[in-house]
Amino acid sequence: MDGKFVLSHERGLAICEVGPVCAVIWRGGVTGRRFEKQRAALADVVRRHSEGAAFLCVIEPTSTPPDDRLRHASVQMIASFAQSLKCVAAVVEGEGFRASTARTVLSGMTFIRHARRPPLCVFATVPSAVRWIAGHVVLSDPIENLVSAVEETRALLPPLLETF
């Protein structure tokens, strides 16, 4: 593998870098402090991979959506890296109304952005998102390695015992 680096893991949030991909796994609620960790990690990956990076955001069923301020900050975060990001993949895990609503909100966020760069797509599973990412950035290892790295990083998260 071209190197997996766990950048952060704490209750509710884990972040890793795998080659040019910054992967974030949200298990808990979106807070300002956690959002800033995500933003800083993405900035570091983009800086190290100026030829093109990717952002993979995995939202587990236990994660609550951000408030309006952080939702707007998310759009601004992606826009600020538009020249260096080759793609953004969001994975909304789970079934039913809540997951469907979250996928709709994320899809709608793509229309808020003025620039259509970088391309953003919403998925139900990590493997489907990684296959799409592989069409936008050069991965030095098979896509299965990126899927494994995300799952290994996810395993570092403690179970969520309370709802945020």
N, C-alpha and C. Protein backbone atom coordinates (compact mmCIF):
# COMPACT_ATOMS: atom_id res chain seq x y z
N MET A 1 0.85 -1.17 0.00
CA MET A 1 0.00 0.00 0.00
C MET A 1 0.89 1.23 0.00
N ASP A 2 0.43 2.31 -0.66
CA ASP A 2 1.27 3.49 -0.77
C ASP A 2 1.26 4.31 0.52
N GLY A 3 0.92 3.68 1.62
CA GLY A 3 1.04 4.33 2.91
C GLY A 3 -0.28 4.80 3.46
N LYS A 4 -0.69 4.20 4.55
CA LYS A 4 -1.86 4.67 5.28
C LYS A 4 -1.35 5.34 6.53
N PHE A 5 -1.82 6.51 6.76
CA PHE A 5 -1.44 7.25 7.95
C PHE A 5 -2.71 7.66 8.67
N VAL A 6 -2.86 7.22 9.90
CA VAL A 6 -3.99 7.66 10.70
C VAL A 6 -3.64 9.05 11.20
N LEU A 7 -4.43 10.01 10.81
CA LEU A 7 -4.14 11.39 11.17
C LEU A 7 -4.80 11.77 12.50
N SER A 8 -5.93 11.15 12.80
CA SER A 8 -6.64 11.48 14.02
C SER A 8 -7.69 10.42 14.28
N HIS A 9 -7.91 10.10 15.53
CA HIS A 9 -9.08 9.32 15.89
C HIS A 9 -9.45 9.63 17.33
N GLU A 10 -10.71 9.81 17.52
CA GLU A 10 -11.26 10.16 18.82
C GLU A 10 -12.70 9.71 18.82
N ARG A 11 -13.36 9.89 19.89
CA ARG A 11 -14.77 9.53 19.97
C ARG A 11 -15.55 10.28 18.88
N GLY A 12 -16.13 9.55 17.97
CA GLY A 12 -17.00 10.16 16.97
C GLY A 12 -16.36 10.53 15.64
N LEU A 13 -15.03 10.50 15.53
CA LEU A 13 -14.38 10.94 14.29
C LEU A 13 -13.03 10.23 14.12
N ALA A 14 -12.79 9.71 12.93
CA ALA A 14 -11.48 9.15 12.60
C ALA A 14 -11.08 9.64 11.23
N ILE A 15 -9.79 9.94 11.06
CA ILE A 15 -9.29 10.48 9.80
C ILE A 15 -8.02 9.74 9.41
N CYS A 16 -7.93 9.34 8.15
CA CYS A 16 -6.70 8.74 7.66
C CYS A 16 -6.36 9.31 6.29
N GLU A 17 -5.11 9.14 5.94
CA GLU A 17 -4.60 9.52 4.63
C GLU A 17 -4.07 8.26 3.98
N VAL A 18 -4.50 8.01 2.76
CA VAL A 18 -4.01 6.87 1.99
C VAL A 18 -3.61 7.43 0.63
N GLY A 19 -2.30 7.58 0.44
CA GLY A 19 -1.85 8.21 -0.80
C GLY A 19 -2.47 9.59 -0.92
N PRO A 20 -3.12 9.88 -2.06
CA PRO A 20 -3.70 11.20 -2.27
C PRO A 20 -5.12 11.35 -1.71
N VAL A 21 -5.57 10.38 -0.92
CA VAL A 21 -6.96 10.40 -0.43
C VAL A 21 -6.99 10.70 1.06
N CYS A 22 -7.78 11.71 1.42
CA CYS A 22 -8.08 12.01 2.82
C CYS A 22 -9.44 11.37 3.09
N ALA A 23 -9.47 10.41 4.02
CA ALA A 23 -10.71 9.72 4.37
C ALA A 23 -11.11 10.07 5.79
N VAL A 24 -12.36 10.48 5.95
CA VAL A 24 -12.90 10.88 7.24
C VAL A 24 -14.10 10.00 7.54
N ILE A 25 -14.14 9.43 8.74
CA ILE A 25 -15.27 8.62 9.15
C ILE A 25 -15.95 9.31 10.32
N TRP A 26 -17.22 9.66 10.13
CA TRP A 26 -18.01 10.33 11.16
C TRP A 26 -18.90 9.29 11.84
N ARG A 27 -18.69 9.09 13.13
CA ARG A 27 -19.55 8.20 13.91
C ARG A 27 -20.44 9.01 14.84
N GLY A 28 -19.97 10.14 15.29
CA GLY A 28 -20.72 10.98 16.22
C GLY A 28 -21.23 12.24 15.56
N GLY A 29 -21.70 13.14 16.38
CA GLY A 29 -22.24 14.39 15.87
C GLY A 29 -21.16 15.30 15.31
N VAL A 30 -21.56 16.14 14.38
CA VAL A 30 -20.64 17.10 13.78
C VAL A 30 -20.57 18.31 14.71
N THR A 31 -19.39 18.53 15.25
CA THR A 31 -19.16 19.69 16.11
C THR A 31 -18.12 20.59 15.45
N GLY A 32 -18.03 21.80 15.92
CA GLY A 32 -17.04 22.73 15.37
C GLY A 32 -15.62 22.22 15.51
N ARG A 33 -15.28 21.64 16.65
CA ARG A 33 -13.93 21.13 16.88
C ARG A 33 -13.63 19.97 15.95
N ARG A 34 -14.56 19.05 15.83
CA ARG A 34 -14.34 17.92 14.93
C ARG A 34 -14.26 18.38 13.47
N PHE A 35 -15.12 19.32 13.11
CA PHE A 35 -15.07 19.83 11.75
C PHE A 35 -13.71 20.44 11.45
N GLU A 36 -13.15 21.19 12.40
CA GLU A 36 -11.84 21.81 12.18
C GLU A 36 -10.75 20.77 12.02
N LYS A 37 -10.84 19.65 12.74
CA LYS A 37 -9.88 18.57 12.55
C LYS A 37 -9.98 18.02 11.14
N GLN A 38 -11.20 17.85 10.66
CA GLN A 38 -11.41 17.38 9.29
C GLN A 38 -10.82 18.35 8.28
N ARG A 39 -11.11 19.64 8.45
CA ARG A 39 -10.61 20.66 7.53
C ARG A 39 -9.09 20.70 7.51
N ALA A 40 -8.48 20.65 8.70
CA ALA A 40 -7.01 20.68 8.78
C ALA A 40 -6.39 19.45 8.13
N ALA A 41 -6.98 18.29 8.34
CA ALA A 41 -6.46 17.07 7.72
C ALA A 41 -6.55 17.14 6.20
N LEU A 42 -7.68 17.60 5.70
CA LEU A 42 -7.84 17.73 4.25
C LEU A 42 -6.83 18.74 3.70
N ALA A 43 -6.62 19.84 4.39
CA ALA A 43 -5.64 20.84 3.95
C ALA A 43 -4.24 20.23 3.87
N ASP A 44 -3.88 19.40 4.84
CA ASP A 44 -2.56 18.76 4.83
C ASP A 44 -2.42 17.80 3.65
N VAL A 45 -3.44 17.00 3.39
CA VAL A 45 -3.38 16.05 2.28
C VAL A 45 -3.31 16.80 0.95
N VAL A 46 -4.10 17.82 0.80
CA VAL A 46 -4.08 18.62 -0.44
C VAL A 46 -2.70 19.26 -0.64
N ARG A 47 -2.11 19.76 0.43
CA ARG A 47 -0.78 20.38 0.34
C ARG A 47 0.27 19.37 -0.10
N ARG A 48 0.19 18.16 0.44
CA ARG A 48 1.18 17.12 0.10
C ARG A 48 0.96 16.50 -1.27
N HIS A 49 -0.23 16.65 -1.81
CA HIS A 49 -0.56 16.04 -3.11
C HIS A 49 -1.09 17.12 -4.05
N SER A 50 -0.23 18.05 -4.37
CA SER A 50 -0.63 19.19 -5.19
C SER A 50 -1.05 18.79 -6.60
N GLU A 51 -0.63 17.60 -7.05
CA GLU A 51 -1.03 17.13 -8.38
C GLU A 51 -2.49 16.68 -8.39
N GLY A 52 -3.05 16.52 -7.23
CA GLY A 52 -4.46 16.16 -7.14
C GLY A 52 -4.75 15.21 -6.00
N ALA A 53 -5.68 15.60 -5.17
CA ALA A 53 -6.08 14.80 -4.01
C ALA A 53 -7.56 14.49 -4.13
N ALA A 54 -8.00 13.57 -3.27
CA ALA A 54 -9.42 13.22 -3.20
C ALA A 54 -9.86 13.27 -1.75
N PHE A 55 -11.15 13.52 -1.54
CA PHE A 55 -11.73 13.57 -0.20
C PHE A 55 -12.84 12.54 -0.14
N LEU A 56 -12.75 11.64 0.84
CA LEU A 56 -13.76 10.62 1.07
C LEU A 56 -14.34 10.84 2.46
N CYS A 57 -15.62 11.14 2.53
CA CYS A 57 -16.30 11.40 3.79
C CYS A 57 -17.33 10.30 4.02
N VAL A 58 -17.12 9.51 5.08
CA VAL A 58 -18.01 8.40 5.40
C VAL A 58 -18.85 8.81 6.60
N ILE A 59 -20.16 8.77 6.43
CA ILE A 59 -21.09 9.18 7.48
C ILE A 59 -21.84 7.94 7.95
N GLU A 60 -21.52 7.51 9.16
CA GLU A 60 -22.18 6.34 9.72
C GLU A 60 -23.60 6.70 10.17
N PRO A 61 -24.47 5.70 10.32
CA PRO A 61 -25.86 5.97 10.71
C PRO A 61 -26.00 6.69 12.05
N THR A 62 -25.01 6.57 12.93
CA THR A 62 -25.08 7.22 14.24
C THR A 62 -24.68 8.69 14.21
N SER A 63 -24.18 9.16 13.10
CA SER A 63 -23.74 10.55 13.01
C SER A 63 -24.93 11.46 12.74
N THR A 64 -25.01 12.53 13.51
CA THR A 64 -26.07 13.50 13.30
C THR A 64 -25.60 14.57 12.32
N PRO A 65 -26.51 15.13 11.54
CA PRO A 65 -26.10 16.12 10.53
C PRO A 65 -25.60 17.41 11.17
N PRO A 66 -24.76 18.13 10.43
CA PRO A 66 -24.27 19.41 10.95
C PRO A 66 -25.38 20.45 10.96
N ASP A 67 -25.21 21.45 11.81
CA ASP A 67 -26.15 22.56 11.80
C ASP A 67 -25.89 23.41 10.54
N ASP A 68 -26.70 24.41 10.32
CA ASP A 68 -26.58 25.23 9.11
C ASP A 68 -25.21 25.88 8.97
N ARG A 69 -24.66 26.34 10.09
CA ARG A 69 -23.34 27.00 10.04
C ARG A 69 -22.27 26.02 9.56
N LEU A 70 -22.26 24.82 10.09
CA LEU A 70 -21.25 23.84 9.71
C LEU A 70 -21.54 23.25 8.33
N ARG A 71 -22.79 23.19 7.95
CA ARG A 71 -23.11 22.75 6.59
C ARG A 71 -22.55 23.75 5.58
N HIS A 72 -22.73 25.03 5.86
CA HIS A 72 -22.18 26.08 4.99
C HIS A 72 -20.65 26.02 5.01
N ALA A 73 -20.06 25.79 6.17
CA ALA A 73 -18.60 25.68 6.28
C ALA A 73 -18.08 24.50 5.46
N SER A 74 -18.85 23.43 5.39
CA SER A 74 -18.45 22.27 4.59
C SER A 74 -18.39 22.62 3.11
N VAL A 75 -19.40 23.35 2.64
CA VAL A 75 -19.41 23.78 1.24
C VAL A 75 -18.21 24.69 0.98
N GLN A 76 -17.93 25.60 1.90
CA GLN A 76 -16.79 26.51 1.76
C GLN A 76 -15.46 25.75 1.79
N MET A 77 -15.37 24.71 2.63
CA MET A 77 -14.15 23.92 2.71
C MET A 77 -13.84 23.29 1.35
N ILE A 78 -14.83 22.67 0.75
CA ILE A 78 -14.63 22.03 -0.54
C ILE A 78 -14.28 23.08 -1.60
N ALA A 79 -14.98 24.20 -1.58
CA ALA A 79 -14.71 25.26 -2.55
C ALA A 79 -13.29 25.81 -2.41
N SER A 80 -12.80 25.89 -1.18
CA SER A 80 -11.46 26.46 -0.98
C SER A 80 -10.36 25.56 -1.53
N PHE A 81 -10.64 24.27 -1.68
CA PHE A 81 -9.67 23.33 -2.23
C PHE A 81 -9.99 22.92 -3.66
N ALA A 82 -10.89 23.63 -4.30
CA ALA A 82 -11.39 23.24 -5.62
C ALA A 82 -10.29 23.06 -6.66
N GLN A 83 -9.25 23.85 -6.60
CA GLN A 83 -8.19 23.74 -7.61
C GLN A 83 -7.32 22.49 -7.43
N SER A 84 -7.26 21.97 -6.22
CA SER A 84 -6.38 20.83 -5.95
C SER A 84 -7.12 19.51 -5.78
N LEU A 85 -8.40 19.56 -5.47
CA LEU A 85 -9.17 18.33 -5.29
C LEU A 85 -9.64 17.80 -6.64
N LYS A 86 -9.38 16.54 -6.89
CA LYS A 86 -9.86 15.90 -8.12
C LYS A 86 -11.30 15.42 -7.96
N CYS A 87 -11.69 15.08 -6.72
CA CYS A 87 -13.06 14.61 -6.49
C CYS A 87 -13.37 14.56 -5.00
N VAL A 88 -14.67 14.53 -4.72
CA VAL A 88 -15.18 14.39 -3.36
C VAL A 88 -16.24 13.30 -3.39
N ALA A 89 -16.07 12.28 -2.55
CA ALA A 89 -17.05 11.20 -2.45
C ALA A 89 -17.60 11.20 -1.03
N ALA A 90 -18.91 11.22 -0.92
CA ALA A 90 -19.57 11.14 0.38
C ALA A 90 -20.31 9.81 0.45
N VAL A 91 -20.09 9.08 1.51
CA VAL A 91 -20.77 7.81 1.74
C VAL A 91 -21.72 8.00 2.90
N VAL A 92 -23.01 7.84 2.64
CA VAL A 92 -24.01 7.92 3.70
C VAL A 92 -24.49 6.49 3.94
N GLU A 93 -24.06 5.94 5.07
CA GLU A 93 -24.39 4.56 5.37
C GLU A 93 -25.75 4.48 6.07
N GLY A 94 -26.36 3.34 5.95
CA GLY A 94 -27.64 3.13 6.61
C GLY A 94 -28.76 3.00 5.61
N GLU A 95 -29.91 2.70 6.14
CA GLU A 95 -31.09 2.52 5.31
C GLU A 95 -32.22 3.36 5.87
N GLY A 96 -33.26 3.46 5.10
CA GLY A 96 -34.45 4.13 5.57
C GLY A 96 -34.47 5.62 5.30
N PHE A 97 -35.43 6.25 5.94
CA PHE A 97 -35.72 7.66 5.70
C PHE A 97 -34.54 8.56 6.06
N ARG A 98 -33.93 8.32 7.22
CA ARG A 98 -32.83 9.19 7.67
C ARG A 98 -31.66 9.18 6.70
N ALA A 99 -31.22 7.99 6.27
CA ALA A 99 -30.11 7.89 5.32
C ALA A 99 -30.49 8.50 3.98
N SER A 100 -31.71 8.24 3.55
CA SER A 100 -32.17 8.80 2.28
C SER A 100 -32.19 10.33 2.32
N THR A 101 -32.64 10.86 3.44
CA THR A 101 -32.67 12.32 3.60
C THR A 101 -31.26 12.89 3.58
N ALA A 102 -30.33 12.23 4.27
CA ALA A 102 -28.94 12.71 4.30
C ALA A 102 -28.34 12.69 2.91
N ARG A 103 -28.60 11.63 2.13
CA ARG A 103 -28.08 11.57 0.76
C ARG A 103 -28.67 12.70 -0.08
N THR A 104 -29.94 13.00 0.12
CA THR A 104 -30.58 14.07 -0.63
C THR A 104 -29.96 15.42 -0.28
N VAL A 105 -29.72 15.65 1.03
CA VAL A 105 -29.11 16.91 1.46
C VAL A 105 -27.72 17.07 0.86
N LEU A 106 -26.92 16.01 0.92
CA LEU A 106 -25.57 16.09 0.35
C LEU A 106 -25.61 16.30 -1.15
N SER A 107 -26.51 15.62 -1.83
CA SER A 107 -26.64 15.83 -3.27
C SER A 107 -27.04 17.27 -3.56
N GLY A 108 -27.92 17.82 -2.73
CA GLY A 108 -28.34 19.20 -2.90
C GLY A 108 -27.22 20.19 -2.67
N MET A 109 -26.27 19.83 -1.80
CA MET A 109 -25.14 20.72 -1.55
C MET A 109 -24.31 20.93 -2.81
N THR A 110 -24.33 19.97 -3.72
CA THR A 110 -23.56 20.14 -4.96
C THR A 110 -24.13 21.27 -5.80
N PHE A 111 -25.44 21.52 -5.66
CA PHE A 111 -26.06 22.59 -6.44
C PHE A 111 -25.82 23.96 -5.82
N ILE A 112 -25.49 23.98 -4.52
CA ILE A 112 -25.20 25.24 -3.85
C ILE A 112 -23.88 25.81 -4.33
N ARG A 113 -22.93 24.89 -4.58
CA ARG A 113 -21.60 25.34 -4.99
C ARG A 113 -21.70 26.05 -6.34
N HIS A 114 -21.03 27.16 -6.46
CA HIS A 114 -21.04 27.91 -7.72
C HIS A 114 -20.22 27.19 -8.78
N ALA A 115 -19.05 26.71 -8.41
CA ALA A 115 -18.21 25.98 -9.34
C ALA A 115 -18.58 24.50 -9.25
N ARG A 116 -18.56 23.83 -10.35
CA ARG A 116 -18.86 22.39 -10.36
C ARG A 116 -17.60 21.57 -10.19
N ARG A 117 -16.54 22.24 -9.77
CA ARG A 117 -15.29 21.56 -9.53
C ARG A 117 -15.01 21.60 -8.06
N PRO A 118 -14.60 20.59 -7.42
CA PRO A 118 -14.38 19.25 -7.94
C PRO A 118 -15.71 18.49 -8.04
N PRO A 119 -15.73 17.42 -8.85
CA PRO A 119 -16.95 16.63 -8.90
C PRO A 119 -17.23 16.00 -7.54
N LEU A 120 -18.51 15.99 -7.16
CA LEU A 120 -18.93 15.43 -5.88
C LEU A 120 -20.02 14.41 -6.15
N CYS A 121 -19.90 13.23 -5.54
CA CYS A 121 -20.90 12.19 -5.74
C CYS A 121 -21.20 11.55 -4.39
N VAL A 122 -22.45 11.12 -4.21
CA VAL A 122 -22.91 10.52 -2.97
C VAL A 122 -23.14 9.03 -3.19
N PHE A 123 -22.68 8.21 -2.24
CA PHE A 123 -22.75 6.76 -2.35
C PHE A 123 -23.34 6.14 -1.10
N ALA A 124 -23.73 4.87 -1.20
CA ALA A 124 -24.25 4.13 -0.05
C ALA A 124 -23.20 3.26 0.61
N THR A 125 -22.10 2.96 -0.12
CA THR A 125 -21.06 2.08 0.43
C THR A 125 -19.67 2.63 0.13
N VAL A 126 -18.72 2.26 0.98
CA VAL A 126 -17.33 2.66 0.77
C VAL A 126 -16.75 2.06 -0.52
N PRO A 127 -16.94 0.75 -0.79
CA PRO A 127 -16.37 0.20 -2.03
C PRO A 127 -16.85 0.92 -3.30
N SER A 128 -18.13 1.28 -3.36
CA SER A 128 -18.61 1.98 -4.56
C SER A 128 -17.98 3.37 -4.67
N ALA A 129 -17.81 4.05 -3.55
CA ALA A 129 -17.16 5.37 -3.57
C ALA A 129 -15.70 5.26 -4.00
N VAL A 130 -15.01 4.24 -3.49
CA VAL A 130 -13.59 4.07 -3.82
C VAL A 130 -13.40 3.75 -5.30
N ARG A 131 -14.28 2.94 -5.86
CA ARG A 131 -14.19 2.66 -7.31
C ARG A 131 -14.31 3.97 -8.10
N TRP A 132 -15.21 4.84 -7.68
CA TRP A 132 -15.41 6.12 -8.36
C TRP A 132 -14.17 7.01 -8.19
N ILE A 133 -13.63 7.07 -6.96
CA ILE A 133 -12.43 7.87 -6.69
C ILE A 133 -11.29 7.42 -7.58
N ALA A 134 -11.14 6.11 -7.76
CA ALA A 134 -10.04 5.56 -8.58
C ALA A 134 -10.10 6.04 -10.03
N GLY A 135 -11.24 6.48 -10.46
CA GLY A 135 -11.36 7.05 -11.80
C GLY A 135 -10.93 8.51 -11.88
N HIS A 136 -10.64 9.12 -10.72
CA HIS A 136 -10.27 10.54 -10.68
C HIS A 136 -8.85 10.81 -10.21
N VAL A 137 -8.30 9.94 -9.36
CA VAL A 137 -6.94 10.13 -8.87
C VAL A 137 -6.14 8.84 -9.10
N VAL A 138 -4.85 8.99 -9.15
CA VAL A 138 -3.97 7.84 -9.36
C VAL A 138 -3.68 7.21 -8.00
N LEU A 139 -4.08 5.95 -7.87
CA LEU A 139 -3.77 5.18 -6.66
C LEU A 139 -2.66 4.21 -7.02
N SER A 140 -1.64 4.15 -6.21
CA SER A 140 -0.51 3.28 -6.54
C SER A 140 -0.78 1.82 -6.16
N ASP A 141 -1.86 1.57 -5.44
CA ASP A 141 -2.23 0.22 -5.03
C ASP A 141 -3.65 -0.09 -5.50
N PRO A 142 -4.03 -1.35 -5.45
CA PRO A 142 -5.41 -1.70 -5.82
C PRO A 142 -6.42 -0.99 -4.94
N ILE A 143 -7.60 -0.75 -5.48
CA ILE A 143 -8.62 -0.02 -4.73
C ILE A 143 -9.03 -0.76 -3.45
N GLU A 144 -8.89 -2.07 -3.43
CA GLU A 144 -9.23 -2.83 -2.24
C GLU A 144 -8.38 -2.39 -1.04
N ASN A 145 -7.17 -1.93 -1.30
CA ASN A 145 -6.31 -1.47 -0.21
C ASN A 145 -6.85 -0.20 0.42
N LEU A 146 -7.43 0.67 -0.38
CA LEU A 146 -8.03 1.88 0.16
C LEU A 146 -9.26 1.52 0.99
N VAL A 147 -10.07 0.60 0.48
CA VAL A 147 -11.24 0.15 1.24
C VAL A 147 -10.79 -0.43 2.59
N SER A 148 -9.77 -1.27 2.57
CA SER A 148 -9.25 -1.87 3.81
C SER A 148 -8.73 -0.81 4.77
N ALA A 149 -8.03 0.18 4.25
CA ALA A 149 -7.49 1.24 5.10
C ALA A 149 -8.61 2.01 5.79
N VAL A 150 -9.68 2.28 5.07
CA VAL A 150 -10.83 2.97 5.67
C VAL A 150 -11.42 2.11 6.78
N GLU A 151 -11.58 0.82 6.52
CA GLU A 151 -12.17 -0.07 7.53
C GLU A 151 -11.25 -0.22 8.74
N GLU A 152 -9.94 -0.27 8.53
CA GLU A 152 -9.00 -0.36 9.65
C GLU A 152 -9.05 0.91 10.51
N THR A 153 -9.19 2.05 9.85
CA THR A 153 -9.29 3.32 10.58
C THR A 153 -10.61 3.38 11.33
N ARG A 154 -11.68 2.93 10.70
CA ARG A 154 -13.00 2.90 11.34
C ARG A 154 -12.94 2.05 12.62
N ALA A 155 -12.21 0.96 12.58
CA ALA A 155 -12.11 0.05 13.73
C ALA A 155 -11.48 0.72 14.95
N LEU A 156 -10.78 1.82 14.75
CA LEU A 156 -10.17 2.55 15.87
C LEU A 156 -11.19 3.34 16.68
N LEU A 157 -12.36 3.57 16.09
CA LEU A 157 -13.39 4.37 16.78
C LEU A 157 -14.08 3.55 17.86
N PRO A 158 -14.21 4.14 19.03
CA PRO A 158 -14.97 3.42 20.07
C PRO A 158 -16.46 3.43 19.72
N PRO A 159 -17.20 2.45 20.23
CA PRO A 159 -18.65 2.44 19.96
C PRO A 159 -19.29 3.70 20.55
N LEU A 160 -20.33 4.13 19.89
CA LEU A 160 -21.05 5.31 20.36
C LEU A 160 -22.10 4.85 21.35
N LEU A 161 -22.01 5.31 22.57
CA LEU A 161 -22.93 4.87 23.61
C LEU A 161 -24.09 5.83 23.82
N GLU A 162 -23.97 7.00 23.27
CA GLU A 162 -25.05 7.99 23.43
C GLU A 162 -25.29 8.67 22.11
N THR A 163 -26.45 9.24 21.97
CA THR A 163 -26.80 9.98 20.76
C THR A 163 -26.40 11.43 20.94
N PHE A 164 -25.80 11.97 19.88
CA PHE A 164 -25.38 13.39 19.93
C PHE A 164 -26.46 14.26 19.38
